[in-house]
């Protein structure tokens, strides 16, 4: 249950970040494509693999989680390059 809760927590907060960036894009942010790509990949690899691991117990899926975490972190770094309308 703890693994499921961890996956769910990261999924929730990063989904809020995706929503906030999308609202920003509607208001004129540019270069916001890369954080969204990294976060999407990260959510799939991190949360998705932990969800499957929690349900199945297959350790192969737990091994994919660090790659997802790296992708989530790269998304936050890519967010630094996002610029507003000038």
C-alpha atoms as a PDB file:
ATOM      1  CA  UNK A   1       0.000   0.000   0.000  1.00  0.00           C
ATOM      2  CA  UNK A   2       2.907   2.352   0.733  1.00  0.00           C
ATOM      3  CA  UNK A   3       4.279   1.936  -2.792  1.00  0.00           C
ATOM      4  CA  UNK A   4       0.874   2.742  -4.264  1.00  0.00           C
ATOM      5  CA  UNK A   5       0.605   5.868  -2.105  1.00  0.00           C
ATOM      6  CA  UNK A   6       4.057   7.070  -3.185  1.00  0.00           C
ATOM      7  CA  UNK A   7       3.167   6.609  -6.856  1.00  0.00           C
ATOM      8  CA  UNK A   8      -0.132   8.374  -6.317  1.00  0.00           C
ATOM      9  CA  UNK A   9       1.454  11.323  -4.486  1.00  0.00           C
ATOM     10  CA  UNK A  10       4.017  11.960  -7.243  1.00  0.00           C
ATOM     11  CA  UNK A  11       1.348  11.474  -9.885  1.00  0.00           C
ATOM     12  CA  UNK A  12      -0.940  14.026  -8.232  1.00  0.00           C
ATOM     13  CA  UNK A  13       1.641  16.774  -7.703  1.00  0.00           C
ATOM     14  CA  UNK A  14       3.198  16.435 -11.139  1.00  0.00           C
ATOM     15  CA  UNK A  15      -0.226  16.428 -12.749  1.00  0.00           C
ATOM     16  CA  UNK A  16      -0.899  19.730 -10.979  1.00  0.00           C
ATOM     17  CA  UNK A  17       2.405  21.044 -12.376  1.00  0.00           C
ATOM     18  CA  UNK A  18       1.410  19.929 -15.897  1.00  0.00           C
ATOM     19  CA  UNK A  19      -1.920  21.700 -15.478  1.00  0.00           C
ATOM     20  CA  UNK A  20      -0.202  24.903 -14.257  1.00  0.00           C
ATOM     21  CA  UNK A  21       2.205  24.902 -17.211  1.00  0.00           C
ATOM     22  CA  UNK A  22      -0.666  24.343 -19.640  1.00  0.00           C
ATOM     23  CA  UNK A  23      -2.485  27.328 -18.131  1.00  0.00           C
ATOM     24  CA  UNK A  24       0.744  29.287 -18.517  1.00  0.00           C
ATOM     25  CA  UNK A  25       0.988  28.275 -22.169  1.00  0.00           C
ATOM     26  CA  UNK A  26      -2.537  29.581 -22.688  1.00  0.00           C
ATOM     27  CA  UNK A  27      -1.356  32.861 -21.143  1.00  0.00           C
ATOM     28  CA  UNK A  28       1.716  33.136 -23.360  1.00  0.00           C
ATOM     29  CA  UNK A  29       4.534  31.003 -21.973  1.00  0.00           C
ATOM     30  CA  UNK A  30       6.961  29.718 -24.579  1.00  0.00           C
ATOM     31  CA  UNK A  31       9.399  26.792 -24.575  1.00  0.00           C
ATOM     32  CA  UNK A  32       7.056  24.845 -22.290  1.00  0.00           C
ATOM     33  CA  UNK A  33       7.114  21.748 -24.475  1.00  0.00           C
ATOM     34  CA  UNK A  34      10.121  20.062 -22.862  1.00  0.00           C
ATOM     35  CA  UNK A  35       8.968  20.110 -19.232  1.00  0.00           C
ATOM     36  CA  UNK A  36       5.688  18.579 -20.360  1.00  0.00           C
ATOM     37  CA  UNK A  37       7.466  15.845 -22.325  1.00  0.00           C
ATOM     38  CA  UNK A  38       9.798  14.998 -19.434  1.00  0.00           C
ATOM     39  CA  UNK A  39       6.958  15.002 -16.909  1.00  0.00           C
ATOM     40  CA  UNK A  40       4.796  12.789 -19.112  1.00  0.00           C
ATOM     41  CA  UNK A  41       7.621  10.286 -19.524  1.00  0.00           C
ATOM     42  CA  UNK A  42       8.442  10.520 -15.831  1.00  0.00           C
ATOM     43  CA  UNK A  43       4.885   9.941 -14.726  1.00  0.00           C
ATOM     44  CA  UNK A  44       4.612   6.931 -16.994  1.00  0.00           C
ATOM     45  CA  UNK A  45       7.921   5.430 -15.871  1.00  0.00           C
ATOM     46  CA  UNK A  46       7.821   6.392 -12.189  1.00  0.00           C
ATOM     47  CA  UNK A  47       4.198   6.287 -11.132  1.00  0.00           C
ATOM     48  CA  UNK A  48       3.163   3.792 -13.778  1.00  0.00           C
ATOM     49  CA  UNK A  49       5.890   1.315 -12.910  1.00  0.00           C
ATOM     50  CA  UNK A  50       5.189   1.662  -9.174  1.00  0.00           C
ATOM     51  CA  UNK A  51       1.459   1.129  -9.743  1.00  0.00           C
ATOM     52  CA  UNK A  52       2.184  -2.054 -11.703  1.00  0.00           C
ATOM     53  CA  UNK A  53       4.742  -3.191  -9.115  1.00  0.00           C
ATOM     54  CA  UNK A  54       2.261  -2.608  -6.275  1.00  0.00           C
ATOM     55  CA  UNK A  55      -0.358  -4.684  -8.073  1.00  0.00           C
ATOM     56  CA  UNK A  56       1.822  -7.460  -9.475  1.00  0.00           C
ATOM     57  CA  UNK A  57       4.896  -7.657  -7.244  1.00  0.00           C
ATOM     58  CA  UNK A  58       7.170  -8.006 -10.305  1.00  0.00           C
ATOM     59  CA  UNK A  59      10.448  -6.304  -9.347  1.00  0.00           C
ATOM     60  CA  UNK A  60      11.309  -5.418 -12.948  1.00  0.00           C
ATOM     61  CA  UNK A  61       8.781  -2.597 -12.737  1.00  0.00           C
ATOM     62  CA  UNK A  62      10.323  -1.222  -9.534  1.00  0.00           C
ATOM     63  CA  UNK A  63      13.669  -1.037 -11.349  1.00  0.00           C
ATOM     64  CA  UNK A  64      12.148   1.396 -13.894  1.00  0.00           C
ATOM     65  CA  UNK A  65      11.122   3.893 -11.210  1.00  0.00           C
ATOM     66  CA  UNK A  66      14.530   5.647 -10.926  1.00  0.00           C
ATOM     67  CA  UNK A  67      14.456   6.387 -14.669  1.00  0.00           C
ATOM     68  CA  UNK A  68      11.079   7.986 -14.160  1.00  0.00           C
ATOM     69  CA  UNK A  69      12.390   9.993 -11.227  1.00  0.00           C
ATOM     70  CA  UNK A  70      15.248  11.240 -13.388  1.00  0.00           C
ATOM     71  CA  UNK A  71      12.785  12.274 -16.058  1.00  0.00           C
ATOM     72  CA  UNK A  72      10.662  14.131 -13.507  1.00  0.00           C
ATOM     73  CA  UNK A  73      13.749  15.986 -12.275  1.00  0.00           C
ATOM     74  CA  UNK A  74      14.734  16.855 -15.857  1.00  0.00           C
ATOM     75  CA  UNK A  75      11.247  18.282 -16.316  1.00  0.00           C
ATOM     76  CA  UNK A  76      11.779  20.636 -13.397  1.00  0.00           C
ATOM     77  CA  UNK A  77      15.157  21.682 -14.799  1.00  0.00           C
ATOM     78  CA  UNK A  78      13.614  22.234 -18.237  1.00  0.00           C
ATOM     79  CA  UNK A  79      11.038  24.476 -16.588  1.00  0.00           C
ATOM     80  CA  UNK A  80      13.860  26.942 -15.915  1.00  0.00           C
ATOM     81  CA  UNK A  81      14.102  27.556 -19.672  1.00  0.00           C
ATOM     82  CA  UNK A  82      10.417  28.485 -20.023  1.00  0.00           C
ATOM     83  CA  UNK A  83       9.944  32.132 -20.903  1.00  0.00           C
ATOM     84  CA  UNK A  84       7.032  34.474 -20.796  1.00  0.00           C
ATOM     85  CA  UNK A  85       5.748  36.516 -23.693  1.00  0.00           C
ATOM     86  CA  UNK A  86       7.981  39.487 -24.511  1.00  0.00           C
END
